Amino acid sequence: MFTGLVEEVGRVESFVRSAAGARISVRAGFAEEVAIGDSVSVNGCCLTAVSNSGGVLAFDLLEESLRLTNLGGLANGAAVNLERALAAGARMGGHFVQGHVDATVKVLSAKAQGADLRLDFELPAAFRGYLAYKGSVALNGVSLTVAEAGEGSFAVWIIPHTATATNLGVLKAGDVVNLECDMLAKYVERILASRPGGG
């Protein structure tokens, strides 16, 4: 479980595909504090550290992770948002983020207004019911508030701190980000569908 409050921006050292699967290696400032087996959110995708050497963490990727996230398309040197799993008793500043990416979505536009940045994204039909005005959403692992939710798109605003402390500040039209919808909406949908006459 994560909060969507990014601890640092790491850099992709390598992405390797082989007959055994795929592995991504990321340089992280907090690497010394990560044990093998720990969970780390990488661009919003919950991954398990399988190697830790010289400040570089390595993670094996499932085919499902490659299909649903932007991790497989990242070049060496690409910036990735990093967050360690939520510790018991820690402050909850964002919202409950599982690190289970639902889909990737394209940036439609990135427009500065004063010091702030408005980001518009495509919204696939399958996920329209999960986003609501003033509701929570995670993009590349960053906890954000939905500013607008339309039929085929949605928008968020980010402050200067978020723009510089995450990889969202350099997004441009056509870029792809990882989307995780608020898990509460998913549970509500499931509960309603399980009732007689539901679904």
N, C-alpha and C. Protein backbone atom coordinates (compact mmCIF):
# COMPACT_ATOMS: atom_id res chain seq x y z
N MET A 1 0.84 -1.19 0.00
CA MET A 1 0.00 0.00 0.00
C MET A 1 0.88 1.24 0.00
N PHE A 2 0.46 2.26 -0.77
CA PHE A 2 1.21 3.49 -0.90
C PHE A 2 0.28 4.68 -0.68
N THR A 3 0.87 5.87 -0.65
CA THR A 3 0.07 7.08 -0.44
C THR A 3 -0.06 7.93 -1.69
N GLY A 4 0.81 7.69 -2.67
CA GLY A 4 0.82 8.54 -3.85
C GLY A 4 1.64 9.80 -3.65
N LEU A 5 2.40 9.86 -2.54
CA LEU A 5 3.31 10.98 -2.30
C LEU A 5 4.72 10.51 -2.66
N VAL A 6 5.20 10.94 -3.80
CA VAL A 6 6.48 10.47 -4.33
C VAL A 6 7.63 10.90 -3.42
N GLU A 7 8.51 9.95 -3.11
CA GLU A 7 9.67 10.25 -2.26
C GLU A 7 10.83 10.84 -3.06
N GLU A 8 11.01 10.32 -4.25
CA GLU A 8 12.10 10.82 -5.08
C GLU A 8 11.88 10.39 -6.52
N VAL A 9 12.61 11.03 -7.41
CA VAL A 9 12.61 10.64 -8.82
C VAL A 9 13.89 9.87 -9.09
N GLY A 10 13.73 8.60 -9.49
CA GLY A 10 14.88 7.77 -9.82
C GLY A 10 15.13 7.77 -11.31
N ARG A 11 16.18 7.06 -11.73
CA ARG A 11 16.52 6.98 -13.15
C ARG A 11 16.66 5.53 -13.58
N VAL A 12 16.08 5.21 -14.73
CA VAL A 12 16.19 3.86 -15.27
C VAL A 12 17.63 3.61 -15.71
N GLU A 13 18.22 2.55 -15.17
CA GLU A 13 19.58 2.17 -15.55
C GLU A 13 19.57 1.18 -16.71
N SER A 14 18.58 0.29 -16.70
CA SER A 14 18.48 -0.68 -17.79
C SER A 14 17.12 -1.34 -17.78
N PHE A 15 16.74 -1.82 -18.93
CA PHE A 15 15.54 -2.64 -19.09
C PHE A 15 15.94 -3.80 -19.99
N VAL A 16 15.84 -5.01 -19.46
CA VAL A 16 16.32 -6.19 -20.19
C VAL A 16 15.21 -7.22 -20.32
N ARG A 17 15.01 -7.66 -21.55
CA ARG A 17 14.08 -8.77 -21.81
C ARG A 17 14.90 -10.01 -22.12
N SER A 18 14.44 -11.16 -21.62
CA SER A 18 15.12 -12.42 -21.90
C SER A 18 14.09 -13.52 -21.92
N ALA A 19 14.55 -14.74 -22.16
CA ALA A 19 13.63 -15.88 -22.16
C ALA A 19 13.00 -16.06 -20.79
N ALA A 20 13.70 -15.58 -19.75
CA ALA A 20 13.20 -15.73 -18.38
C ALA A 20 12.19 -14.66 -18.01
N GLY A 21 12.08 -13.60 -18.83
CA GLY A 21 11.14 -12.53 -18.52
C GLY A 21 11.76 -11.17 -18.75
N ALA A 22 11.38 -10.19 -17.93
CA ALA A 22 11.88 -8.83 -18.07
C ALA A 22 12.32 -8.30 -16.72
N ARG A 23 13.36 -7.47 -16.73
CA ARG A 23 13.86 -6.88 -15.50
C ARG A 23 14.20 -5.41 -15.76
N ILE A 24 13.77 -4.56 -14.83
CA ILE A 24 14.09 -3.15 -14.90
C ILE A 24 14.96 -2.79 -13.70
N SER A 25 16.00 -2.01 -13.94
CA SER A 25 16.90 -1.57 -12.89
C SER A 25 16.82 -0.06 -12.77
N VAL A 26 16.72 0.42 -11.54
CA VAL A 26 16.50 1.84 -11.29
C VAL A 26 17.48 2.35 -10.23
N ARG A 27 18.13 3.46 -10.51
CA ARG A 27 19.00 4.09 -9.50
C ARG A 27 18.12 4.90 -8.56
N ALA A 28 18.28 4.64 -7.25
CA ALA A 28 17.44 5.29 -6.25
C ALA A 28 18.28 5.77 -5.08
N GLY A 29 18.02 6.98 -4.63
CA GLY A 29 18.74 7.53 -3.50
C GLY A 29 18.51 6.78 -2.21
N PHE A 30 17.32 6.19 -2.06
CA PHE A 30 17.02 5.45 -0.82
C PHE A 30 17.31 3.96 -0.94
N ALA A 31 18.07 3.56 -1.96
CA ALA A 31 18.33 2.14 -2.22
C ALA A 31 18.91 1.42 -1.01
N GLU A 32 19.78 2.09 -0.25
CA GLU A 32 20.40 1.43 0.90
C GLU A 32 19.39 1.04 1.97
N GLU A 33 18.25 1.68 1.96
CA GLU A 33 17.22 1.40 2.95
C GLU A 33 16.22 0.35 2.48
N VAL A 34 16.41 -0.18 1.28
CA VAL A 34 15.49 -1.16 0.71
C VAL A 34 16.09 -2.55 0.81
N ALA A 35 15.33 -3.48 1.36
CA ALA A 35 15.76 -4.87 1.48
C ALA A 35 15.19 -5.68 0.33
N ILE A 36 15.87 -6.77 0.00
CA ILE A 36 15.33 -7.68 -1.02
C ILE A 36 13.97 -8.17 -0.55
N GLY A 37 13.00 -8.08 -1.43
CA GLY A 37 11.63 -8.47 -1.07
C GLY A 37 10.73 -7.31 -0.73
N ASP A 38 11.32 -6.12 -0.51
CA ASP A 38 10.50 -4.95 -0.21
C ASP A 38 9.72 -4.50 -1.44
N SER A 39 8.57 -3.89 -1.18
CA SER A 39 7.75 -3.32 -2.26
C SER A 39 8.11 -1.87 -2.49
N VAL A 40 8.23 -1.51 -3.75
CA VAL A 40 8.52 -0.12 -4.14
C VAL A 40 7.59 0.23 -5.30
N SER A 41 6.98 1.39 -5.22
CA SER A 41 6.18 1.88 -6.33
C SER A 41 7.09 2.56 -7.34
N VAL A 42 7.09 2.06 -8.57
CA VAL A 42 7.89 2.63 -9.66
C VAL A 42 6.92 3.14 -10.71
N ASN A 43 6.81 4.46 -10.82
CA ASN A 43 5.81 5.07 -11.71
C ASN A 43 4.42 4.55 -11.41
N GLY A 44 4.17 4.27 -10.13
CA GLY A 44 2.84 3.84 -9.72
C GLY A 44 2.59 2.36 -9.79
N CYS A 45 3.59 1.59 -10.19
CA CYS A 45 3.45 0.13 -10.29
C CYS A 45 4.17 -0.52 -9.11
N CYS A 46 3.46 -1.28 -8.31
CA CYS A 46 4.05 -1.95 -7.16
C CYS A 46 4.95 -3.09 -7.63
N LEU A 47 6.25 -2.96 -7.32
CA LEU A 47 7.22 -3.97 -7.73
C LEU A 47 8.00 -4.46 -6.51
N THR A 48 8.54 -5.67 -6.61
CA THR A 48 9.32 -6.26 -5.54
C THR A 48 10.80 -6.19 -5.86
N ALA A 49 11.57 -5.64 -4.95
CA ALA A 49 13.02 -5.54 -5.16
C ALA A 49 13.64 -6.93 -5.13
N VAL A 50 14.35 -7.30 -6.19
CA VAL A 50 14.99 -8.62 -6.27
C VAL A 50 16.51 -8.51 -6.22
N SER A 51 17.02 -7.27 -6.33
CA SER A 51 18.46 -7.04 -6.26
C SER A 51 18.69 -5.62 -5.82
N ASN A 52 19.78 -5.43 -5.07
CA ASN A 52 20.14 -4.11 -4.58
C ASN A 52 21.66 -4.02 -4.56
N SER A 53 22.22 -3.25 -5.50
CA SER A 53 23.67 -3.18 -5.60
C SER A 53 24.11 -1.80 -6.08
N GLY A 54 24.99 -1.16 -5.32
CA GLY A 54 25.56 0.11 -5.73
C GLY A 54 24.55 1.21 -5.96
N GLY A 55 23.48 1.22 -5.18
CA GLY A 55 22.46 2.25 -5.32
C GLY A 55 21.46 1.98 -6.42
N VAL A 56 21.51 0.78 -7.00
CA VAL A 56 20.58 0.42 -8.08
C VAL A 56 19.69 -0.73 -7.62
N LEU A 57 18.40 -0.53 -7.72
CA LEU A 57 17.42 -1.56 -7.39
C LEU A 57 16.94 -2.23 -8.66
N ALA A 58 16.80 -3.55 -8.62
CA ALA A 58 16.30 -4.30 -9.78
C ALA A 58 14.97 -4.94 -9.44
N PHE A 59 14.07 -4.97 -10.42
CA PHE A 59 12.73 -5.51 -10.25
C PHE A 59 12.38 -6.38 -11.45
N ASP A 60 11.83 -7.56 -11.19
CA ASP A 60 11.33 -8.40 -12.28
C ASP A 60 9.91 -7.97 -12.62
N LEU A 61 9.58 -8.01 -13.91
CA LEU A 61 8.28 -7.56 -14.38
C LEU A 61 7.47 -8.71 -14.97
N LEU A 62 6.23 -8.81 -14.54
CA LEU A 62 5.30 -9.77 -15.12
C LEU A 62 4.85 -9.28 -16.49
N GLU A 63 4.41 -10.19 -17.33
CA GLU A 63 3.85 -9.78 -18.62
C GLU A 63 2.65 -8.86 -18.42
N GLU A 64 1.88 -9.12 -17.37
CA GLU A 64 0.73 -8.26 -17.06
C GLU A 64 1.18 -6.83 -16.78
N SER A 65 2.29 -6.70 -16.05
CA SER A 65 2.82 -5.37 -15.75
C SER A 65 3.29 -4.67 -17.03
N LEU A 66 3.90 -5.41 -17.92
CA LEU A 66 4.35 -4.83 -19.18
C LEU A 66 3.18 -4.40 -20.04
N ARG A 67 2.09 -5.18 -19.97
CA ARG A 67 0.92 -4.88 -20.80
C ARG A 67 0.16 -3.66 -20.30
N LEU A 68 0.11 -3.49 -18.98
CA LEU A 68 -0.74 -2.46 -18.40
C LEU A 68 0.00 -1.17 -18.02
N THR A 69 1.32 -1.16 -18.07
CA THR A 69 2.06 0.02 -17.61
C THR A 69 2.98 0.57 -18.70
N ASN A 70 3.61 1.68 -18.39
CA ASN A 70 4.55 2.29 -19.33
C ASN A 70 6.00 1.89 -19.07
N LEU A 71 6.22 0.95 -18.15
CA LEU A 71 7.59 0.60 -17.75
C LEU A 71 8.41 -0.01 -18.88
N GLY A 72 7.79 -0.83 -19.70
CA GLY A 72 8.51 -1.50 -20.78
C GLY A 72 8.97 -0.56 -21.88
N GLY A 73 8.39 0.63 -21.94
CA GLY A 73 8.74 1.56 -23.00
C GLY A 73 9.70 2.65 -22.56
N LEU A 74 10.21 2.55 -21.33
CA LEU A 74 11.10 3.59 -20.81
C LEU A 74 12.54 3.37 -21.28
N ALA A 75 13.18 4.43 -21.71
CA ALA A 75 14.57 4.36 -22.17
C ALA A 75 15.51 4.51 -20.98
N ASN A 76 16.74 4.08 -21.14
CA ASN A 76 17.74 4.30 -20.11
C ASN A 76 17.85 5.79 -19.80
N GLY A 77 17.89 6.11 -18.52
CA GLY A 77 17.96 7.51 -18.11
C GLY A 77 16.61 8.14 -17.85
N ALA A 78 15.53 7.44 -18.20
CA ALA A 78 14.18 7.98 -18.00
C ALA A 78 13.91 8.19 -16.51
N ALA A 79 13.20 9.26 -16.21
CA ALA A 79 12.85 9.57 -14.82
C ALA A 79 11.62 8.76 -14.41
N VAL A 80 11.69 8.16 -13.23
CA VAL A 80 10.55 7.40 -12.70
C VAL A 80 10.26 7.84 -11.27
N ASN A 81 9.00 7.94 -10.93
CA ASN A 81 8.58 8.30 -9.59
C ASN A 81 8.72 7.09 -8.67
N LEU A 82 9.31 7.30 -7.49
CA LEU A 82 9.56 6.21 -6.55
C LEU A 82 8.93 6.50 -5.20
N GLU A 83 8.33 5.47 -4.61
CA GLU A 83 7.79 5.56 -3.26
C GLU A 83 7.88 4.20 -2.60
N ARG A 84 8.40 4.17 -1.38
CA ARG A 84 8.41 2.92 -0.62
C ARG A 84 7.03 2.68 -0.02
N ALA A 85 6.76 1.42 0.32
CA ALA A 85 5.47 1.06 0.88
C ALA A 85 5.19 1.82 2.16
N LEU A 86 3.92 2.10 2.40
CA LEU A 86 3.48 2.84 3.57
C LEU A 86 3.80 2.07 4.84
N ALA A 87 4.47 2.73 5.77
CA ALA A 87 4.80 2.11 7.05
C ALA A 87 3.65 2.27 8.03
N ALA A 88 3.44 1.28 8.88
CA ALA A 88 2.38 1.35 9.89
C ALA A 88 2.60 2.57 10.78
N GLY A 89 1.55 3.35 10.98
CA GLY A 89 1.64 4.52 11.83
C GLY A 89 2.10 5.77 11.12
N ALA A 90 2.44 5.66 9.83
CA ALA A 90 2.89 6.83 9.08
C ALA A 90 1.70 7.72 8.75
N ARG A 91 1.98 9.00 8.51
CA ARG A 91 0.93 9.92 8.14
C ARG A 91 0.42 9.60 6.73
N MET A 92 -0.88 9.78 6.57
CA MET A 92 -1.52 9.48 5.28
C MET A 92 -1.82 10.80 4.59
N GLY A 93 -0.90 11.26 3.75
CA GLY A 93 -1.07 12.57 3.14
C GLY A 93 -1.75 12.55 1.79
N GLY A 94 -1.72 11.42 1.10
CA GLY A 94 -2.34 11.34 -0.22
C GLY A 94 -3.66 10.59 -0.15
N HIS A 95 -3.75 9.46 -0.86
CA HIS A 95 -4.90 8.56 -0.71
C HIS A 95 -4.37 7.14 -0.83
N PHE A 96 -5.21 6.16 -0.54
CA PHE A 96 -4.77 4.77 -0.60
C PHE A 96 -4.50 4.37 -2.05
N VAL A 97 -3.23 4.11 -2.34
CA VAL A 97 -2.80 3.71 -3.68
C VAL A 97 -2.22 2.30 -3.57
N GLN A 98 -2.74 1.39 -4.36
CA GLN A 98 -2.30 -0.01 -4.27
C GLN A 98 -1.06 -0.31 -5.11
N GLY A 99 -0.81 0.51 -6.10
CA GLY A 99 0.27 0.19 -7.03
C GLY A 99 -0.16 -0.82 -8.07
N HIS A 100 -1.47 -0.96 -8.24
CA HIS A 100 -2.03 -1.87 -9.25
C HIS A 100 -2.56 -1.01 -10.40
N VAL A 101 -1.73 -0.81 -11.40
CA VAL A 101 -2.06 0.07 -12.51
C VAL A 101 -3.22 -0.51 -13.32
N ASP A 102 -4.20 0.34 -13.60
CA ASP A 102 -5.37 -0.10 -14.38
C ASP A 102 -5.12 -0.02 -15.88
N ALA A 103 -4.42 1.00 -16.32
CA ALA A 103 -4.20 1.20 -17.75
C ALA A 103 -3.19 2.32 -17.94
N THR A 104 -2.76 2.48 -19.17
CA THR A 104 -1.97 3.66 -19.53
C THR A 104 -2.88 4.61 -20.29
N VAL A 105 -2.64 5.91 -20.09
CA VAL A 105 -3.43 6.93 -20.79
C VAL A 105 -2.48 7.97 -21.37
N LYS A 106 -2.89 8.56 -22.49
CA LYS A 106 -2.06 9.56 -23.16
C LYS A 106 -2.37 10.96 -22.65
N VAL A 107 -1.32 11.76 -22.61
CA VAL A 107 -1.47 13.18 -22.30
C VAL A 107 -2.05 13.87 -23.53
N LEU A 108 -3.15 14.59 -23.34
CA LEU A 108 -3.74 15.34 -24.45
C LEU A 108 -3.13 16.74 -24.53
N SER A 109 -2.86 17.33 -23.38
CA SER A 109 -2.24 18.65 -23.37
C SER A 109 -1.63 18.93 -22.01
N ALA A 110 -0.63 19.80 -21.99
CA ALA A 110 0.01 20.26 -20.77
C ALA A 110 0.16 21.76 -20.90
N LYS A 111 -0.59 22.51 -20.09
CA LYS A 111 -0.62 23.96 -20.23
C LYS A 111 -0.35 24.65 -18.89
N ALA A 112 0.63 25.53 -18.90
CA ALA A 112 0.93 26.30 -17.70
C ALA A 112 -0.06 27.45 -17.57
N GLN A 113 -0.49 27.70 -16.35
CA GLN A 113 -1.32 28.86 -16.05
C GLN A 113 -0.76 29.49 -14.79
N GLY A 114 -0.05 30.58 -14.96
CA GLY A 114 0.69 31.14 -13.84
C GLY A 114 1.78 30.15 -13.44
N ALA A 115 1.86 29.86 -12.15
CA ALA A 115 2.88 28.92 -11.66
C ALA A 115 2.41 27.48 -11.72
N ASP A 116 1.13 27.28 -11.97
CA ASP A 116 0.56 25.93 -11.95
C ASP A 116 0.51 25.32 -13.35
N LEU A 117 0.27 24.01 -13.38
CA LEU A 117 0.24 23.28 -14.64
C LEU A 117 -1.03 22.46 -14.73
N ARG A 118 -1.76 22.63 -15.82
CA ARG A 118 -2.96 21.83 -16.08
C ARG A 118 -2.60 20.72 -17.05
N LEU A 119 -2.95 19.50 -16.67
CA LEU A 119 -2.69 18.33 -17.51
C LEU A 119 -4.02 17.69 -17.89
N ASP A 120 -4.24 17.50 -19.18
CA ASP A 120 -5.43 16.82 -19.67
C ASP A 120 -5.04 15.46 -20.24
N PHE A 121 -5.83 14.44 -19.90
CA PHE A 121 -5.55 13.07 -20.31
C PHE A 121 -6.76 12.46 -21.00
N GLU A 122 -6.49 11.50 -21.86
CA GLU A 122 -7.59 10.73 -22.42
C GLU A 122 -8.20 9.88 -21.32
N LEU A 123 -9.48 9.55 -21.46
CA LEU A 123 -10.17 8.72 -20.48
C LEU A 123 -10.89 7.59 -21.20
N PRO A 124 -10.31 6.38 -21.22
CA PRO A 124 -10.96 5.26 -21.89
C PRO A 124 -12.35 5.00 -21.30
N ALA A 125 -13.27 4.58 -22.14
CA ALA A 125 -14.65 4.38 -21.72
C ALA A 125 -14.77 3.43 -20.53
N ALA A 126 -13.91 2.43 -20.47
CA ALA A 126 -13.99 1.43 -19.40
C ALA A 126 -13.74 2.02 -18.02
N PHE A 127 -13.14 3.22 -17.95
CA PHE A 127 -12.78 3.79 -16.65
C PHE A 127 -13.53 5.08 -16.33
N ARG A 128 -14.49 5.46 -17.16
CA ARG A 128 -15.21 6.72 -16.95
C ARG A 128 -15.97 6.73 -15.63
N GLY A 129 -16.49 5.58 -15.24
CA GLY A 129 -17.27 5.52 -14.01
C GLY A 129 -16.45 5.61 -12.74
N TYR A 130 -15.14 5.50 -12.85
CA TYR A 130 -14.27 5.50 -11.67
C TYR A 130 -13.70 6.87 -11.34
N LEU A 131 -13.83 7.83 -12.25
CA LEU A 131 -13.30 9.16 -12.00
C LEU A 131 -14.44 10.14 -11.78
N ALA A 132 -14.32 10.93 -10.72
CA ALA A 132 -15.35 11.90 -10.39
C ALA A 132 -14.70 13.23 -10.03
N TYR A 133 -15.41 14.30 -10.28
CA TYR A 133 -14.94 15.63 -9.94
C TYR A 133 -14.57 15.68 -8.46
N LYS A 134 -13.36 16.14 -8.17
CA LYS A 134 -12.80 16.22 -6.82
C LYS A 134 -12.46 14.86 -6.22
N GLY A 135 -12.56 13.81 -7.02
CA GLY A 135 -12.17 12.48 -6.55
C GLY A 135 -10.66 12.30 -6.69
N SER A 136 -10.18 11.17 -6.21
CA SER A 136 -8.74 10.88 -6.25
C SER A 136 -8.37 10.01 -7.44
N VAL A 137 -7.16 10.23 -7.95
CA VAL A 137 -6.63 9.40 -9.02
C VAL A 137 -5.10 9.39 -8.84
N ALA A 138 -4.46 8.30 -9.26
CA ALA A 138 -3.00 8.23 -9.23
C ALA A 138 -2.48 8.17 -10.66
N LEU A 139 -1.55 9.07 -10.97
CA LEU A 139 -0.93 9.12 -12.30
C LEU A 139 0.57 8.99 -12.12
N ASN A 140 1.15 7.95 -12.72
CA ASN A 140 2.57 7.62 -12.50
C ASN A 140 2.88 7.55 -11.01
N GLY A 141 1.87 7.10 -10.25
CA GLY A 141 2.06 6.92 -8.81
C GLY A 141 1.86 8.16 -7.98
N VAL A 142 1.45 9.26 -8.59
CA VAL A 142 1.26 10.52 -7.86
C VAL A 142 -0.22 10.68 -7.52
N SER A 143 -0.51 10.89 -6.24
CA SER A 143 -1.88 11.12 -5.79
C SER A 143 -2.33 12.51 -6.21
N LEU A 144 -3.42 12.57 -6.98
CA LEU A 144 -3.92 13.83 -7.50
C LEU A 144 -5.44 13.91 -7.36
N THR A 145 -5.95 15.13 -7.45
CA THR A 145 -7.38 15.38 -7.40
C THR A 145 -7.89 15.65 -8.80
N VAL A 146 -8.98 15.00 -9.17
CA VAL A 146 -9.57 15.20 -10.49
C VAL A 146 -10.23 16.58 -10.53
N ALA A 147 -9.79 17.43 -11.45
CA ALA A 147 -10.34 18.78 -11.58
C ALA A 147 -11.55 18.81 -12.51
N GLU A 148 -11.50 17.96 -13.52
CA GLU A 148 -12.62 17.83 -14.47
C GLU A 148 -12.67 16.39 -14.95
N ALA A 149 -13.87 15.88 -15.16
CA ALA A 149 -14.05 14.53 -15.68
C ALA A 149 -15.14 14.56 -16.74
N GLY A 150 -14.74 14.40 -18.00
CA GLY A 150 -15.69 14.42 -19.10
C GLY A 150 -15.94 13.03 -19.64
N GLU A 151 -16.53 12.96 -20.81
CA GLU A 151 -16.85 11.68 -21.42
C GLU A 151 -15.59 10.96 -21.89
N GLY A 152 -14.67 11.70 -22.48
CA GLY A 152 -13.50 11.05 -23.05
C GLY A 152 -12.18 11.59 -22.55
N SER A 153 -12.24 12.45 -21.53
CA SER A 153 -11.01 13.02 -21.01
C SER A 153 -11.21 13.47 -19.56
N PHE A 154 -10.09 13.70 -18.88
CA PHE A 154 -10.14 14.27 -17.54
C PHE A 154 -8.92 15.16 -17.35
N ALA A 155 -8.99 16.02 -16.34
CA ALA A 155 -7.92 16.98 -16.12
C ALA A 155 -7.53 17.02 -14.65
N VAL A 156 -6.26 17.32 -14.41
CA VAL A 156 -5.75 17.57 -13.07
C VAL A 156 -4.90 18.82 -13.13
N TRP A 157 -4.72 19.46 -11.98
CA TRP A 157 -3.80 20.57 -11.84
C TRP A 157 -2.69 20.16 -10.91
N ILE A 158 -1.47 20.60 -11.20
CA ILE A 158 -0.37 20.32 -10.28
C ILE A 158 0.33 21.63 -9.92
N ILE A 159 0.76 21.69 -8.67
CA ILE A 159 1.46 22.87 -8.17
C ILE A 159 2.94 22.78 -8.52
N PRO A 160 3.68 23.87 -8.39
CA PRO A 160 5.10 23.84 -8.75
C PRO A 160 5.90 22.76 -8.03
N HIS A 161 5.61 22.52 -6.75
CA HIS A 161 6.35 21.48 -6.02
C HIS A 161 6.18 20.12 -6.68
N THR A 162 4.95 19.78 -7.03
CA THR A 162 4.69 18.49 -7.67
C THR A 162 5.37 18.40 -9.03
N ALA A 163 5.40 19.51 -9.73
CA ALA A 163 6.03 19.54 -11.06
C ALA A 163 7.52 19.26 -10.97
N THR A 164 8.16 19.73 -9.90
CA THR A 164 9.61 19.56 -9.79
C THR A 164 9.99 18.31 -9.00
N ALA A 165 9.10 17.81 -8.14
CA ALA A 165 9.41 16.66 -7.29
C ALA A 165 8.99 15.34 -7.90
N THR A 166 8.34 15.38 -9.06
CA THR A 166 7.90 14.16 -9.75
C THR A 166 8.25 14.30 -11.24
N ASN A 167 7.92 13.27 -12.01
CA ASN A 167 8.17 13.36 -13.45
C ASN A 167 6.97 13.92 -14.23
N LEU A 168 5.96 14.43 -13.51
CA LEU A 168 4.79 14.98 -14.20
C LEU A 168 5.05 16.35 -14.80
N GLY A 169 6.00 17.08 -14.25
CA GLY A 169 6.25 18.44 -14.72
C GLY A 169 6.84 18.53 -16.11
N VAL A 170 7.37 17.43 -16.62
CA VAL A 170 7.98 17.45 -17.96
C VAL A 170 7.10 16.77 -19.01
N LEU A 171 5.87 16.40 -18.60
CA LEU A 171 4.99 15.73 -19.56
C LEU A 171 4.59 16.67 -20.70
N LYS A 172 4.39 16.06 -21.86
CA LYS A 172 3.92 16.81 -23.03
C LYS A 172 2.88 15.96 -23.76
N ALA A 173 2.16 16.58 -24.64
CA ALA A 173 1.12 15.88 -25.40
C ALA A 173 1.71 14.65 -26.09
N GLY A 174 1.01 13.53 -25.95
CA GLY A 174 1.45 12.28 -26.57
C GLY A 174 2.18 11.36 -25.62
N ASP A 175 2.68 11.89 -24.50
CA ASP A 175 3.33 11.03 -23.51
C ASP A 175 2.30 10.09 -22.88
N VAL A 176 2.79 8.99 -22.35
CA VAL A 176 1.92 7.97 -21.76
C VAL A 176 2.23 7.84 -20.27
N VAL A 177 1.18 7.84 -19.45
CA VAL A 177 1.35 7.69 -18.00
C VAL A 177 0.51 6.52 -17.50
N ASN A 178 0.89 6.03 -16.32
CA ASN A 178 0.15 4.94 -15.68
C ASN A 178 -1.02 5.51 -14.88
N LEU A 179 -2.17 4.91 -15.05
CA LEU A 179 -3.40 5.32 -14.38
C LEU A 179 -3.83 4.27 -13.37
N GLU A 180 -4.07 4.70 -12.12
CA GLU A 180 -4.72 3.84 -11.14
C GLU A 180 -5.91 4.59 -10.58
N CYS A 181 -7.10 4.03 -10.79
CA CYS A 181 -8.31 4.64 -10.27
C CYS A 181 -8.44 4.36 -8.78
N ASP A 182 -9.21 5.18 -8.11
CA ASP A 182 -9.43 5.03 -6.67
C ASP A 182 -10.06 3.67 -6.39
N MET A 183 -9.43 2.90 -5.50
CA MET A 183 -9.93 1.54 -5.24
C MET A 183 -11.30 1.55 -4.58
N LEU A 184 -11.68 2.63 -3.89
CA LEU A 184 -13.00 2.68 -3.27
C LEU A 184 -14.10 2.58 -4.31
N ALA A 185 -13.89 3.22 -5.47
CA ALA A 185 -14.88 3.17 -6.54
C ALA A 185 -15.03 1.74 -7.06
N LYS A 186 -13.93 1.00 -7.10
CA LYS A 186 -13.98 -0.38 -7.59
C LYS A 186 -14.77 -1.27 -6.63
N TYR A 187 -14.57 -1.06 -5.32
CA TYR A 187 -15.30 -1.86 -4.34
C TYR A 187 -16.79 -1.54 -4.36
N VAL A 188 -17.12 -0.27 -4.51
CA VAL A 188 -18.53 0.11 -4.59
C VAL A 188 -19.18 -0.56 -5.78
N GLU A 189 -18.49 -0.53 -6.92
CA GLU A 189 -19.02 -1.17 -8.13
C GLU A 189 -19.24 -2.66 -7.89
N ARG A 190 -18.29 -3.31 -7.25
CA ARG A 190 -18.37 -4.75 -7.00
C ARG A 190 -19.53 -5.09 -6.05
N ILE A 191 -19.69 -4.27 -5.01
CA ILE A 191 -20.76 -4.51 -4.05
C ILE A 191 -22.13 -4.37 -4.73
N LEU A 192 -22.27 -3.31 -5.51
CA LEU A 192 -23.55 -3.08 -6.18
C LEU A 192 -23.86 -4.18 -7.20
N ALA A 193 -22.82 -4.64 -7.89
CA ALA A 193 -23.02 -5.70 -8.89
C ALA A 193 -23.39 -7.03 -8.26
N SER A 194 -22.97 -7.25 -7.01
CA SER A 194 -23.25 -8.52 -6.35
C SER A 194 -24.63 -8.59 -5.74
N ARG A 195 -25.32 -7.47 -5.65
CA ARG A 195 -26.68 -7.45 -5.08
C ARG A 195 -27.68 -7.97 -6.09
N PRO A 196 -28.79 -8.53 -5.62
CA PRO A 196 -29.83 -9.00 -6.55
C PRO A 196 -30.28 -7.87 -7.46
N GLY A 197 -30.26 -8.12 -8.74
CA GLY A 197 -30.65 -7.10 -9.70
C GLY A 197 -29.55 -6.14 -10.03
N GLY A 198 -28.38 -6.27 -9.38
CA GLY A 198 -27.26 -5.38 -9.64
C GLY A 198 -26.53 -5.78 -10.90
N GLY A 199 -25.61 -4.89 -11.33
CA GLY A 199 -24.77 -5.17 -12.50
C GLY A 199 -25.49 -4.95 -13.78
